[in-house]
C-alpha cells in the first residue's frame, strides 16, 4: 500500500502573501519596540492623591488654596470620561438587547434574519 496520497502537502501560491505580510509587520514592530529607548520613569510626588486630583479637575476646584499635594489631573479626566461613555454605551446596548416585547419575544433583534417579518408581508411561508 502506498500512503503518498494521504500525506499533507504544502501548497505554495498567492494565498500565503497575507500571512507573510503579517509576519513581516510583526518583525518590524518587534524590532522597533526592542530598539526604542525610554526615559527614566518619573513618579508622582510623595503623598499626592490622584483620585482627589481627578475630582478637583472635574469640578474645576482651585488647587492653589489646598494644603495637600495635587498633581495635574486634566489628562486623567479625559480618560475617565471616555471610559464612562464607553461603559454607558455598553449598558445601553445590553438593555436594548434584553428588552422584551409584550408577547414575550426579545425586541430589537432579528435573530431569525427577519423571516417572520418577511413572511408576514408575503402572507405566509414560502
PDB file of N, CA and C in Angstrom:
ATOM      1  N   UNK A   1       0.828  -1.194   0.000  1.00  0.00           N
ATOM      2  CA  UNK A   1       0.000   0.000   0.000  1.00  0.00           C
ATOM      3  C   UNK A   1       0.865   1.247   0.000  1.00  0.00           C
ATOM      4  N   UNK A   2       0.428   2.234  -0.704  1.00  0.00           N
ATOM      5  CA  UNK A   2       1.165   3.490  -0.769  1.00  0.00           C
ATOM      6  C   UNK A   2       0.379   4.566  -0.040  1.00  0.00           C
ATOM      7  N   UNK A   3       1.085   5.313   0.810  1.00  0.00           N
ATOM      8  CA  UNK A   3       0.425   6.400   1.543  1.00  0.00           C
ATOM      9  C   UNK A   3       0.766   7.761   0.952  1.00  0.00           C
ATOM     10  N   UNK A   4       1.205   7.771  -0.300  1.00  0.00           N
ATOM     11  CA  UNK A   4       1.617   9.027  -0.928  1.00  0.00           C
ATOM     12  C   UNK A   4       0.448   9.991  -1.085  1.00  0.00           C
ATOM     13  N   UNK A   5      -0.769   9.480  -1.227  1.00  0.00           N
ATOM     14  CA  UNK A   5      -1.915  10.349  -1.414  1.00  0.00           C
ATOM     15  C   UNK A   5      -2.458  10.922  -0.119  1.00  0.00           C
ATOM     16  N   UNK A   6      -2.058  10.365   1.018  1.00  0.00           N
ATOM     17  CA  UNK A   6      -2.626  10.828   2.282  1.00  0.00           C
ATOM     18  C   UNK A   6      -1.710  11.782   3.054  1.00  0.00           C
ATOM     19  N   UNK A   7      -0.518  12.019   2.539  1.00  0.00           N
ATOM     20  CA  UNK A   7       0.392  12.927   3.232  1.00  0.00           C
ATOM     21  C   UNK A   7      -0.009  14.374   2.973  1.00  0.00           C
ATOM     22  N   UNK A   8       0.150  15.231   3.975  1.00  0.00           N
ATOM     23  CA  UNK A   8      -0.141  16.652   3.729  1.00  0.00           C
ATOM     24  C   UNK A   8       0.918  17.260   2.820  1.00  0.00           C
ATOM     25  N   UNK A   9       0.475  18.114   1.959  1.00  0.00           N
ATOM     26  CA  UNK A   9       1.380  18.782   1.016  1.00  0.00           C
ATOM     27  C   UNK A   9       1.299  20.291   1.241  1.00  0.00           C
ATOM     28  N   UNK A  10       2.420  20.966   1.108  1.00  0.00           N
ATOM     29  CA  UNK A  10       2.480  22.417   1.235  1.00  0.00           C
ATOM     30  C   UNK A  10       2.103  23.029  -0.103  1.00  0.00           C
ATOM     31  N   UNK A  11       1.040  23.811  -0.093  1.00  0.00           N
ATOM     32  CA  UNK A  11       0.613  24.482  -1.311  1.00  0.00           C
ATOM     33  C   UNK A  11       1.198  25.879  -1.315  1.00  0.00           C
ATOM     34  N   UNK A  12       2.018  26.159  -2.284  1.00  0.00           N
ATOM     35  CA  UNK A  12       2.612  27.480  -2.424  1.00  0.00           C
ATOM     36  C   UNK A  12       1.765  28.292  -3.393  1.00  0.00           C
ATOM     37  N   UNK A  13       1.725  29.594  -3.121  1.00  0.00           N
ATOM     38  CA  UNK A  13       0.962  30.444  -4.017  1.00  0.00           C
ATOM     39  C   UNK A  13       0.673  31.788  -3.394  1.00  0.00           C
ATOM     40  N   UNK A  14      -0.203  32.517  -4.029  1.00  0.00           N
ATOM     41  CA  UNK A  14      -0.548  33.871  -3.596  1.00  0.00           C
ATOM     42  C   UNK A  14      -1.332  33.925  -2.302  1.00  0.00           C
ATOM     43  N   UNK A  15      -1.940  32.805  -1.879  1.00  0.00           N
ATOM     44  CA  UNK A  15      -2.705  32.808  -0.641  1.00  0.00           C
ATOM     45  C   UNK A  15      -1.808  32.909   0.590  1.00  0.00           C
ATOM     46  N   UNK A  16      -0.502  32.717   0.432  1.00  0.00           N
ATOM     47  CA  UNK A  16       0.436  32.847   1.555  1.00  0.00           C
ATOM     48  C   UNK A  16       0.861  34.295   1.793  1.00  0.00           C
ATOM     49  N   UNK A  17       0.580  35.184   0.851  1.00  0.00           N
ATOM     50  CA  UNK A  17       1.039  36.569   0.941  1.00  0.00           C
ATOM     51  C   UNK A  17       0.510  37.307   2.171  1.00  0.00           C
ATOM     52  N   UNK A  18      -0.771  37.228   2.534  1.00  0.00           N
ATOM     53  CA  UNK A  18      -1.214  37.922   3.745  1.00  0.00           C
ATOM     54  C   UNK A  18      -0.524  37.418   5.009  1.00  0.00           C
ATOM     55  N   UNK A  19      -0.268  36.134   5.098  1.00  0.00           N
ATOM     56  CA  UNK A  19       0.436  35.591   6.254  1.00  0.00           C
ATOM     57  C   UNK A  19       1.870  36.081   6.331  1.00  0.00           C
ATOM     58  N   UNK A  20       2.544  36.111   5.189  1.00  0.00           N
ATOM     59  CA  UNK A  20       3.919  36.625   5.161  1.00  0.00           C
ATOM     60  C   UNK A  20       3.959  38.107   5.492  1.00  0.00           C
ATOM     61  N   UNK A  21       2.968  38.862   5.037  1.00  0.00           N
ATOM     62  CA  UNK A  21       2.904  40.289   5.368  1.00  0.00           C
ATOM     63  C   UNK A  21       2.701  40.480   6.871  1.00  0.00           C
ATOM     64  N   UNK A  22       1.871  39.642   7.498  1.00  0.00           N
ATOM     65  CA  UNK A  22       1.650  39.738   8.937  1.00  0.00           C
ATOM     66  C   UNK A  22       2.922  39.413   9.711  1.00  0.00           C
ATOM     67  N   UNK A  23       3.653  38.396   9.271  1.00  0.00           N
ATOM     68  CA  UNK A  23       4.917  38.049   9.938  1.00  0.00           C
ATOM     69  C   UNK A  23       5.932  39.179   9.776  1.00  0.00           C
ATOM     70  N   UNK A  24       6.013  39.770   8.588  1.00  0.00           N
ATOM     71  CA  UNK A  24       6.940  40.885   8.361  1.00  0.00           C
ATOM     72  C   UNK A  24       6.563  42.089   9.215  1.00  0.00           C
ATOM     73  N   UNK A  25       5.276  42.390   9.310  1.00  0.00           N
ATOM     74  CA  UNK A  25       4.837  43.504  10.151  1.00  0.00           C
ATOM     75  C   UNK A  25       5.185  43.247  11.614  1.00  0.00           C
ATOM     76  N   UNK A  26       4.970  42.022  12.076  1.00  0.00           N
ATOM     77  CA  UNK A  26       5.330  41.668  13.447  1.00  0.00           C
ATOM     78  C   UNK A  26       6.828  41.846  13.674  1.00  0.00           C
ATOM     79  N   UNK A  27       7.649  41.420  12.722  1.00  0.00           N
ATOM     80  CA  UNK A  27       9.103  41.550  12.862  1.00  0.00           C
ATOM     81  C   UNK A  27       9.515  43.020  12.929  1.00  0.00           C
ATOM     82  N   UNK A  28       8.922  43.856  12.086  1.00  0.00           N
ATOM     83  CA  UNK A  28       9.258  45.286  12.091  1.00  0.00           C
ATOM     84  C   UNK A  28       8.849  45.927  13.416  1.00  0.00           C
ATOM     85  N   UNK A  29       7.641  45.644  13.876  1.00  0.00           N
ATOM     86  CA  UNK A  29       7.177  46.227  15.140  1.00  0.00           C
ATOM     87  C   UNK A  29       7.999  45.724  16.324  1.00  0.00           C
ATOM     88  N   UNK A  30       8.377  44.444  16.324  1.00  0.00           N
ATOM     89  CA  UNK A  30       9.223  43.910  17.392  1.00  0.00           C
ATOM     90  C   UNK A  30      10.589  44.582  17.381  1.00  0.00           C
ATOM     91  N   UNK A  31      11.155  44.781  16.209  1.00  0.00           N
ATOM     92  CA  UNK A  31      12.450  45.447  16.097  1.00  0.00           C
ATOM     93  C   UNK A  31      12.380  46.884  16.600  1.00  0.00           C
ATOM     94  N   UNK A  32      11.331  47.599  16.219  1.00  0.00           N
ATOM     95  CA  UNK A  32      11.171  48.987  16.671  1.00  0.00           C
ATOM     96  C   UNK A  32      10.989  49.041  18.180  1.00  0.00           C
ATOM     97  N   UNK A  33      10.179  48.155  18.711  1.00  0.00           N
ATOM     98  CA  UNK A  33       9.926  48.154  20.152  1.00  0.00           C
ATOM     99  C   UNK A  33      11.176  47.803  20.939  1.00  0.00           C
ATOM    100  N   UNK A  34      11.922  46.820  20.477  1.00  0.00           N
ATOM    101  CA  UNK A  34      13.115  46.395  21.216  1.00  0.00           C
ATOM    102  C   UNK A  34      14.237  47.423  21.152  1.00  0.00           C
ATOM    103  N   UNK A  35      14.278  48.229  20.100  1.00  0.00           N
ATOM    104  CA  UNK A  35      15.328  49.239  19.978  1.00  0.00           C
ATOM    105  C   UNK A  35      14.927  50.597  20.526  1.00  0.00           C
ATOM    106  N   UNK A  36      13.693  50.747  20.951  1.00  0.00           N
ATOM    107  CA  UNK A  36      13.227  52.037  21.464  1.00  0.00           C
ATOM    108  C   UNK A  36      13.852  52.296  22.829  1.00  0.00           C
ATOM    109  N   UNK A  37      14.194  53.545  23.056  1.00  0.00           N
ATOM    110  CA  UNK A  37      14.736  53.917  24.363  1.00  0.00           C
ATOM    111  C   UNK A  37      13.704  54.768  25.087  1.00  0.00           C
ATOM    112  N   UNK A  38      13.508  54.435  26.330  1.00  0.00           N
ATOM    113  CA  UNK A  38      12.550  55.145  27.152  1.00  0.00           C
ATOM    114  C   UNK A  38      13.307  55.942  28.195  1.00  0.00           C
ATOM    115  N   UNK A  39      12.761  57.082  28.551  1.00  0.00           N
ATOM    116  CA  UNK A  39      13.383  57.903  29.584  1.00  0.00           C
ATOM    117  C   UNK A  39      13.246  57.257  30.953  1.00  0.00           C
ATOM    118  N   UNK A  40      13.875  57.874  31.917  1.00  0.00           N
ATOM    119  CA  UNK A  40      13.782  57.378  33.280  1.00  0.00           C
ATOM    120  C   UNK A  40      12.347  57.521  33.772  1.00  0.00           C
ATOM    121  N   UNK A  41      11.832  56.502  34.454  1.00  0.00           N
ATOM    122  CA  UNK A  41      10.472  56.612  34.970  1.00  0.00           C
ATOM    123  C   UNK A  41      10.374  57.685  36.045  1.00  0.00           C
ATOM    124  N   UNK A  42       9.311  58.452  35.964  1.00  0.00           N
ATOM    125  CA  UNK A  42       9.092  59.530  36.919  1.00  0.00           C
ATOM    126  C   UNK A  42       7.755  59.283  37.589  1.00  0.00           C
ATOM    127  N   UNK A  43       7.752  59.252  38.887  1.00  0.00           N
ATOM    128  CA  UNK A  43       6.526  59.019  39.628  1.00  0.00           C
ATOM    129  C   UNK A  43       5.891  60.328  40.077  1.00  0.00           C
ATOM    130  N   UNK A  44       4.862  60.197  40.850  1.00  0.00           N
ATOM    131  CA  UNK A  44       4.183  61.358  41.401  1.00  0.00           C
ATOM    132  C   UNK A  44       4.846  61.744  42.717  1.00  0.00           C
ATOM    133  N   UNK A  45       4.675  62.974  43.136  1.00  0.00           N
ATOM    134  CA  UNK A  45       5.279  63.400  44.404  1.00  0.00           C
ATOM    135  C   UNK A  45       4.743  62.575  45.577  1.00  0.00           C
ATOM    136  N   UNK A  46       5.523  62.514  46.627  1.00  0.00           N
ATOM    137  CA  UNK A  46       5.136  61.769  47.825  1.00  0.00           C
ATOM    138  C   UNK A  46       3.865  62.356  48.419  1.00  0.00           C
ATOM    139  N   UNK A  47       2.889  61.523  48.673  1.00  0.00           N
ATOM    140  CA  UNK A  47       1.651  61.969  49.293  1.00  0.00           C
ATOM    141  C   UNK A  47       0.633  62.557  48.338  1.00  0.00           C
ATOM    142  N   UNK A  48       0.881  62.462  47.026  1.00  0.00           N
ATOM    143  CA  UNK A  48      -0.065  63.013  46.049  1.00  0.00           C
ATOM    144  C   UNK A  48      -1.266  62.085  45.921  1.00  0.00           C
ATOM    145  N   UNK A  49      -2.445  62.659  45.887  1.00  0.00           N
ATOM    146  CA  UNK A  49      -3.673  61.884  45.745  1.00  0.00           C
ATOM    147  C   UNK A  49      -4.198  62.042  44.322  1.00  0.00           C
ATOM    148  N   UNK A  50      -4.083  60.970  43.552  1.00  0.00           N
ATOM    149  CA  UNK A  50      -4.529  61.003  42.161  1.00  0.00           C
ATOM    150  C   UNK A  50      -6.050  61.116  42.106  1.00  0.00           C
ATOM    151  N   UNK A  51      -6.732  60.388  42.982  1.00  0.00           N
ATOM    152  CA  UNK A  51      -8.193  60.420  42.990  1.00  0.00           C
ATOM    153  C   UNK A  51      -8.706  61.816  43.296  1.00  0.00           C
ATOM    154  N   UNK A  52      -8.115  62.458  44.285  1.00  0.00           N
ATOM    155  CA  UNK A  52      -8.520  63.830  44.618  1.00  0.00           C
ATOM    156  C   UNK A  52      -8.219  64.772  43.462  1.00  0.00           C
ATOM    157  N   UNK A  53      -7.103  64.558  42.786  1.00  0.00           N
ATOM    158  CA  UNK A  53      -6.740  65.420  41.655  1.00  0.00           C
ATOM    159  C   UNK A  53      -7.750  65.295  40.522  1.00  0.00           C
ATOM    160  N   UNK A  54      -8.239  64.079  40.270  1.00  0.00           N
ATOM    161  CA  UNK A  54      -9.253  63.894  39.227  1.00  0.00           C
ATOM    162  C   UNK A  54     -10.535  64.616  39.631  1.00  0.00           C
ATOM    163  N   UNK A  55     -10.930  64.500  40.886  1.00  0.00           N
ATOM    164  CA  UNK A  55     -12.132  65.187  41.361  1.00  0.00           C
ATOM    165  C   UNK A  55     -11.999  66.695  41.270  1.00  0.00           C
ATOM    166  N   UNK A  56     -10.840  67.228  41.662  1.00  0.00           N
ATOM    167  CA  UNK A  56     -10.621  68.680  41.575  1.00  0.00           C
ATOM    168  C   UNK A  56     -10.673  69.147  40.131  1.00  0.00           C
ATOM    169  N   UNK A  57     -10.109  68.354  39.199  1.00  0.00           N
ATOM    170  CA  UNK A  57     -10.119  68.743  37.791  1.00  0.00           C
ATOM    171  C   UNK A  57     -11.532  68.658  37.215  1.00  0.00           C
ATOM    172  N   UNK A  58     -12.322  67.664  37.656  1.00  0.00           N
ATOM    173  CA  UNK A  58     -13.685  67.527  37.136  1.00  0.00           C
ATOM    174  C   UNK A  58     -14.567  68.693  37.546  1.00  0.00           C
ATOM    175  N   UNK A  59     -14.383  69.182  38.774  1.00  0.00           N
ATOM    176  CA  UNK A  59     -15.246  70.243  39.286  1.00  0.00           C
ATOM    177  C   UNK A  59     -14.563  71.613  39.277  1.00  0.00           C
ATOM    178  N   UNK A  60     -13.415  71.704  38.592  1.00  0.00           N
ATOM    179  CA  UNK A  60     -12.700  72.960  38.405  1.00  0.00           C
ATOM    180  C   UNK A  60     -12.422  73.672  39.732  1.00  0.00           C
ATOM    181  N   UNK A  61     -11.906  72.931  40.708  1.00  0.00           N
ATOM    182  CA  UNK A  61     -11.564  73.486  42.015  1.00  0.00           C
ATOM    183  C   UNK A  61     -10.185  74.119  41.925  1.00  0.00           C
ATOM    184  N   UNK A  62     -10.034  75.295  42.510  1.00  0.00           N
ATOM    185  CA  UNK A  62      -8.741  75.976  42.535  1.00  0.00           C
ATOM    186  C   UNK A  62      -7.815  75.213  43.480  1.00  0.00           C
ATOM    187  N   UNK A  63      -6.790  74.584  42.948  1.00  0.00           N
ATOM    188  CA  UNK A  63      -5.912  73.727  43.748  1.00  0.00           C
ATOM    189  C   UNK A  63      -4.825  74.510  44.476  1.00  0.00           C
ATOM    190  N   UNK A  64      -4.680  75.788  44.206  1.00  0.00           N
ATOM    191  CA  UNK A  64      -3.641  76.575  44.879  1.00  0.00           C
ATOM    192  C   UNK A  64      -3.981  76.824  46.345  1.00  0.00           C
ATOM    193  N   UNK A  65      -5.250  76.769  46.715  1.00  0.00           N
ATOM    194  CA  UNK A  65      -5.633  77.045  48.088  1.00  0.00           C
ATOM    195  C   UNK A  65      -5.633  75.787  48.961  1.00  0.00           C
ATOM    196  N   UNK A  66      -5.379  74.620  48.329  1.00  0.00           N
ATOM    197  CA  UNK A  66      -5.389  73.364  49.066  1.00  0.00           C
ATOM    198  C   UNK A  66      -4.027  73.117  49.699  1.00  0.00           C
ATOM    199  N   UNK A  67      -4.040  72.451  50.845  1.00  0.00           N
ATOM    200  CA  UNK A  67      -2.787  72.185  51.544  1.00  0.00           C
ATOM    201  C   UNK A  67      -2.137  70.876  51.112  1.00  0.00           C
ATOM    202  N   UNK A  68      -2.885  69.979  50.456  1.00  0.00           N
ATOM    203  CA  UNK A  68      -2.326  68.685  50.070  1.00  0.00           C
ATOM    204  C   UNK A  68      -1.628  68.771  48.723  1.00  0.00           C
ATOM    205  N   UNK A  69      -0.819  67.759  48.431  1.00  0.00           N
ATOM    206  CA  UNK A  69      -0.099  67.709  47.168  1.00  0.00           C
ATOM    207  C   UNK A  69      -1.056  67.270  46.070  1.00  0.00           C
ATOM    208  N   UNK A  70      -1.189  68.087  45.042  1.00  0.00           N
ATOM    209  CA  UNK A  70      -2.113  67.819  43.946  1.00  0.00           C
ATOM    210  C   UNK A  70      -1.323  67.784  42.655  1.00  0.00           C
ATOM    211  N   UNK A  71      -1.616  66.788  41.826  1.00  0.00           N
ATOM    212  CA  UNK A  71      -0.992  66.706  40.508  1.00  0.00           C
ATOM    213  C   UNK A  71      -1.997  67.174  39.461  1.00  0.00           C
ATOM    214  N   UNK A  72      -1.498  67.447  38.277  1.00  0.00           N
ATOM    215  CA  UNK A  72      -2.391  67.866  37.195  1.00  0.00           C
ATOM    216  C   UNK A  72      -3.267  66.688  36.808  1.00  0.00           C
ATOM    217  N   UNK A  73      -4.570  66.868  36.885  1.00  0.00           N
ATOM    218  CA  UNK A  73      -5.487  65.764  36.649  1.00  0.00           C
ATOM    219  C   UNK A  73      -6.271  65.856  35.365  1.00  0.00           C
ATOM    220  N   UNK A  74      -5.993  66.844  34.512  1.00  0.00           N
ATOM    221  CA  UNK A  74      -6.782  67.011  33.286  1.00  0.00           C
ATOM    222  C   UNK A  74      -6.642  65.817  32.352  1.00  0.00           C
ATOM    223  N   UNK A  75      -5.448  65.259  32.233  1.00  0.00           N
ATOM    224  CA  UNK A  75      -5.255  64.084  31.386  1.00  0.00           C
ATOM    225  C   UNK A  75      -6.022  62.876  31.899  1.00  0.00           C
ATOM    226  N   UNK A  76      -6.107  62.767  33.213  1.00  0.00           N
ATOM    227  CA  UNK A  76      -6.874  61.676  33.800  1.00  0.00           C
ATOM    228  C   UNK A  76      -8.363  61.859  33.548  1.00  0.00           C
ATOM    229  N   UNK A  77      -8.824  63.089  33.562  1.00  0.00           N
ATOM    230  CA  UNK A  77     -10.252  63.356  33.381  1.00  0.00           C
ATOM    231  C   UNK A  77     -10.701  62.945  31.983  1.00  0.00           C
ATOM    232  N   UNK A  78      -9.880  63.206  30.983  1.00  0.00           N
ATOM    233  CA  UNK A  78     -10.236  62.823  29.610  1.00  0.00           C
ATOM    234  C   UNK A  78     -10.390  61.306  29.514  1.00  0.00           C
ATOM    235  N   UNK A  79      -9.428  60.571  30.051  1.00  0.00           N
ATOM    236  CA  UNK A  79      -9.517  59.109  30.019  1.00  0.00           C
ATOM    237  C   UNK A  79     -10.718  58.625  30.830  1.00  0.00           C
ATOM    238  N   UNK A  80     -10.953  59.239  31.974  1.00  0.00           N
ATOM    239  CA  UNK A  80     -12.082  58.881  32.832  1.00  0.00           C
ATOM    240  C   UNK A  80     -13.406  59.073  32.093  1.00  0.00           C
ATOM    241  N   UNK A  81     -13.567  60.187  31.406  1.00  0.00           N
ATOM    242  CA  UNK A  81     -14.807  60.463  30.683  1.00  0.00           C
ATOM    243  C   UNK A  81     -14.987  59.542  29.480  1.00  0.00           C
ATOM    244  N   UNK A  82     -13.898  59.233  28.776  1.00  0.00           N
ATOM    245  CA  UNK A  82     -14.005  58.315  27.643  1.00  0.00           C
ATOM    246  C   UNK A  82     -14.431  56.925  28.099  1.00  0.00           C
ATOM    247  N   UNK A  83     -13.867  56.455  29.191  1.00  0.00           N
ATOM    248  CA  UNK A  83     -14.260  55.148  29.724  1.00  0.00           C
ATOM    249  C   UNK A  83     -15.718  55.179  30.169  1.00  0.00           C
ATOM    250  N   UNK A  84     -16.144  56.281  30.788  1.00  0.00           N
ATOM    251  CA  UNK A  84     -17.541  56.398  31.228  1.00  0.00           C
ATOM    252  C   UNK A  84     -18.497  56.345  30.043  1.00  0.00           C
ATOM    253  N   UNK A  85     -18.146  56.997  28.946  1.00  0.00           N
ATOM    254  CA  UNK A  85     -19.004  56.993  27.761  1.00  0.00           C
ATOM    255  C   UNK A  85     -19.078  55.590  27.165  1.00  0.00           C
ATOM    256  N   UNK A  86     -17.937  54.899  27.064  1.00  0.00           N
ATOM    257  CA  UNK A  86     -17.926  53.539  26.508  1.00  0.00           C
ATOM    258  C   UNK A  86     -18.755  52.597  27.374  1.00  0.00           C
ATOM    259  N   UNK A  87     -18.628  52.688  28.685  1.00  0.00           N
ATOM    260  CA  UNK A  87     -19.417  51.836  29.578  1.00  0.00           C
ATOM    261  C   UNK A  87     -20.907  52.156  29.483  1.00  0.00           C
ATOM    262  N   UNK A  88     -21.236  53.430  29.322  1.00  0.00           N
ATOM    263  CA  UNK A  88     -22.640  53.814  29.183  1.00  0.00           C
ATOM    264  C   UNK A  88     -23.231  53.238  27.899  1.00  0.00           C
ATOM    265  N   UNK A  89     -22.498  53.293  26.815  1.00  0.00           N
ATOM    266  CA  UNK A  89     -22.973  52.725  25.554  1.00  0.00           C
ATOM    267  C   UNK A  89     -23.141  51.211  25.686  1.00  0.00           C
ATOM    268  N   UNK A  90     -22.221  50.554  26.384  1.00  0.00           N
ATOM    269  CA  UNK A  90     -22.325  49.105  26.575  1.00  0.00           C
ATOM    270  C   UNK A  90     -23.563  48.744  27.395  1.00  0.00           C
ATOM    271  N   UNK A  91     -23.837  49.505  28.434  1.00  0.00           N
ATOM    272  CA  UNK A  91     -25.026  49.239  29.254  1.00  0.00           C
ATOM    273  C   UNK A  91     -26.295  49.507  28.449  1.00  0.00           C
ATOM    274  N   UNK A  92     -26.319  50.594  27.690  1.00  0.00           N
ATOM    275  CA  UNK A  92     -27.485  50.884  26.852  1.00  0.00           C
ATOM    276  C   UNK A  92     -27.732  49.764  25.853  1.00  0.00           C
ATOM    277  N   UNK A  93     -26.664  49.244  25.240  1.00  0.00           N
ATOM    278  CA  UNK A  93     -26.807  48.142  24.299  1.00  0.00           C
ATOM    279  C   UNK A  93     -27.316  46.882  24.967  1.00  0.00           C
ATOM    280  N   UNK A  94     -26.837  46.602  26.177  1.00  0.00           N
ATOM    281  CA  UNK A  94     -27.298  45.416  26.905  1.00  0.00           C
ATOM    282  C   UNK A  94     -28.779  45.532  27.258  1.00  0.00           C
ATOM    283  N   UNK A  95     -29.200  46.714  27.670  1.00  0.00           N
ATOM    284  CA  UNK A  95     -30.615  46.913  27.994  1.00  0.00           C
ATOM    285  C   UNK A  95     -31.462  46.789  26.733  1.00  0.00           C
ATOM    286  N   UNK A  96     -30.989  47.342  25.634  1.00  0.00           N
ATOM    287  CA  UNK A  96     -31.721  47.256  24.369  1.00  0.00           C
ATOM    288  C   UNK A  96     -31.881  45.797  23.935  1.00  0.00           C
ATOM    289  N   UNK A  97     -30.812  45.018  24.063  1.00  0.00           N
ATOM    290  CA  UNK A  97     -30.878  43.621  23.651  1.00  0.00           C
ATOM    291  C   UNK A  97     -31.703  42.770  24.602  1.00  0.00           C
ATOM    292  N   UNK A  98     -31.783  43.156  25.863  1.00  0.00           N
ATOM    293  CA  UNK A  98     -32.512  42.360  26.853  1.00  0.00           C
ATOM    294  C   UNK A  98     -33.983  42.749  26.950  1.00  0.00           C
ATOM    295  N   UNK A  99     -34.383  43.814  26.280  1.00  0.00           N
ATOM    296  CA  UNK A  99     -35.764  44.291  26.356  1.00  0.00           C
ATOM    297  C   UNK A  99     -36.716  43.271  25.746  1.00  0.00           C
ATOM    298  N   UNK A 100     -37.823  43.023  26.423  1.00  0.00           N
ATOM    299  CA  UNK A 100     -38.833  42.071  25.952  1.00  0.00           C
ATOM    300  C   UNK A 100     -40.042  42.830  25.404  1.00  0.00           C
ATOM    301  N   UNK A 101     -40.642  42.266  24.388  1.00  0.00           N
ATOM    302  CA  UNK A 101     -41.861  42.837  23.832  1.00  0.00           C
ATOM    303  C   UNK A 101     -43.060  42.342  24.640  1.00  0.00           C
ATOM    304  N   UNK A 102     -44.256  42.827  24.301  1.00  0.00           N
ATOM    305  CA  UNK A 102     -45.471  42.439  25.025  1.00  0.00           C
ATOM    306  C   UNK A 102     -45.769  40.941  24.913  1.00  0.00           C
ATOM    307  N   UNK A 103     -45.413  40.346  23.777  1.00  0.00           N
ATOM    308  CA  UNK A 103     -45.702  38.924  23.599  1.00  0.00           C
ATOM    309  C   UNK A 103     -44.594  38.018  24.136  1.00  0.00           C
ATOM    310  N   UNK A 104     -43.579  38.587  24.796  1.00  0.00           N
ATOM    311  CA  UNK A 104     -42.527  37.794  25.414  1.00  0.00           C
ATOM    312  C   UNK A 104     -41.306  37.577  24.547  1.00  0.00           C
ATOM    313  N   UNK A 105     -41.328  38.047  23.296  1.00  0.00           N
ATOM    314  CA  UNK A 105     -40.168  37.876  22.439  1.00  0.00           C
ATOM    315  C   UNK A 105     -39.157  38.986  22.712  1.00  0.00           C
ATOM    316  N   UNK A 106     -37.924  38.731  22.362  1.00  0.00           N
ATOM    317  CA  UNK A 106     -36.871  39.723  22.548  1.00  0.00           C
ATOM    318  C   UNK A 106     -37.037  40.794  21.488  1.00  0.00           C
ATOM    319  N   UNK A 107     -37.040  42.046  21.896  1.00  0.00           N
ATOM    320  CA  UNK A 107     -37.236  43.138  20.964  1.00  0.00           C
ATOM    321  C   UNK A 107     -35.921  43.695  20.453  1.00  0.00           C
ATOM    322  N   UNK A 108     -35.946  44.221  19.264  1.00  0.00           N
ATOM    323  CA  UNK A 108     -34.792  44.900  18.718  1.00  0.00           C
ATOM    324  C   UNK A 108     -33.801  44.014  18.004  1.00  0.00           C
ATOM    325  N   UNK A 109     -33.978  42.703  18.057  1.00  0.00           N
ATOM    326  CA  UNK A 109     -33.032  41.810  17.430  1.00  0.00           C
ATOM    327  C   UNK A 109     -33.777  40.899  16.468  1.00  0.00           C
ATOM    328  N   UNK A 110     -33.283  40.811  15.263  1.00  0.00           N
ATOM    329  CA  UNK A 110     -33.863  39.896  14.289  1.00  0.00           C
ATOM    330  C   UNK A 110     -32.930  38.704  14.155  1.00  0.00           C
ATOM    331  N   UNK A 111     -32.955  37.825  15.153  1.00  0.00           N
ATOM    332  CA  UNK A 111     -32.052  36.678  15.168  1.00  0.00           C
ATOM    333  C   UNK A 111     -32.398  35.669  14.091  1.00  0.00           C
ATOM    334  N   UNK A 112     -33.601  35.710  13.585  1.00  0.00           N
ATOM    335  CA  UNK A 112     -34.001  34.756  12.550  1.00  0.00           C
ATOM    336  C   UNK A 112     -33.748  35.306  11.149  1.00  0.00           C
ATOM    337  N   UNK A 113     -33.066  36.419  11.052  1.00  0.00           N
ATOM    338  CA  UNK A 113     -32.779  37.007   9.757  1.00  0.00           C
ATOM    339  C   UNK A 113     -33.948  37.764   9.174  1.00  0.00           C
ATOM    340  N   UNK A 114     -34.998  37.994   9.975  1.00  0.00           N
ATOM    341  CA  UNK A 114     -36.156  38.729   9.504  1.00  0.00           C
ATOM    342  C   UNK A 114     -37.177  37.859   8.797  1.00  0.00           C
ATOM    343  N   UNK A 115     -37.109  36.537   8.977  1.00  0.00           N
ATOM    344  CA  UNK A 115     -38.035  35.641   8.285  1.00  0.00           C
ATOM    345  C   UNK A 115     -39.482  35.876   8.693  1.00  0.00           C
ATOM    346  N   UNK A 116     -39.707  36.116   9.990  1.00  0.00           N
ATOM    347  CA  UNK A 116     -41.082  36.323  10.447  1.00  0.00           C
ATOM    348  C   UNK A 116     -41.694  37.571   9.813  1.00  0.00           C
ATOM    349  N   UNK A 117     -40.923  38.628   9.728  1.00  0.00           N
ATOM    350  CA  UNK A 117     -41.417  39.872   9.126  1.00  0.00           C
ATOM    351  C   UNK A 117     -41.648  39.668   7.635  1.00  0.00           C
ATOM    352  N   UNK A 118     -40.708  38.984   6.969  1.00  0.00           N
ATOM    353  CA  UNK A 118     -40.831  38.725   5.538  1.00  0.00           C
ATOM    354  C   UNK A 118     -42.086  37.902   5.255  1.00  0.00           C
ATOM    355  N   UNK A 119     -42.295  36.869   6.081  1.00  0.00           N
ATOM    356  CA  UNK A 119     -43.463  36.014   5.881  1.00  0.00           C
ATOM    357  C   UNK A 119     -44.756  36.777   6.140  1.00  0.00           C
ATOM    358  N   UNK A 120     -44.739  37.687   7.109  1.00  0.00           N
ATOM    359  CA  UNK A 120     -45.935  38.461   7.399  1.00  0.00           C
ATOM    360  C   UNK A 120     -46.287  39.372   6.227  1.00  0.00           C
ATOM    361  N   UNK A 121     -45.264  39.946   5.560  1.00  0.00           N
ATOM    362  CA  UNK A 121     -45.535  40.807   4.419  1.00  0.00           C
ATOM    363  C   UNK A 121     -45.968  40.008   3.193  1.00  0.00           C
ATOM    364  N   UNK A 122     -45.457  38.801   3.043  1.00  0.00           N
ATOM    365  CA  UNK A 122     -45.803  37.987   1.890  1.00  0.00           C
ATOM    366  C   UNK A 122     -47.112  37.220   2.087  1.00  0.00           C
ATOM    367  N   UNK A 123     -47.543  37.149   3.330  1.00  0.00           N
ATOM    368  CA  UNK A 123     -48.808  36.476   3.588  1.00  0.00           C
ATOM    369  C   UNK A 123     -48.669  34.999   3.873  1.00  0.00           C
ATOM    370  N   UNK A 124     -47.520  34.548   4.321  1.00  0.00           N
ATOM    371  CA  UNK A 124     -47.364  33.123   4.663  1.00  0.00           C
ATOM    372  C   UNK A 124     -45.974  32.640   4.398  1.00  0.00           C
ATOM    373  N   UNK A 125     -45.790  31.323   4.541  1.00  0.00           N
ATOM    374  CA  UNK A 125     -44.482  30.710   4.324  1.00  0.00           C
ATOM    375  C   UNK A 125     -44.208  30.549   2.836  1.00  0.00           C
ATOM    376  N   UNK A 126     -42.942  30.335   2.512  1.00  0.00           N
ATOM    377  CA  UNK A 126     -42.542  30.104   1.118  1.00  0.00           C
ATOM    378  C   UNK A 126     -42.892  28.715   0.690  1.00  0.00           C
TER     379      UNK A 126
END
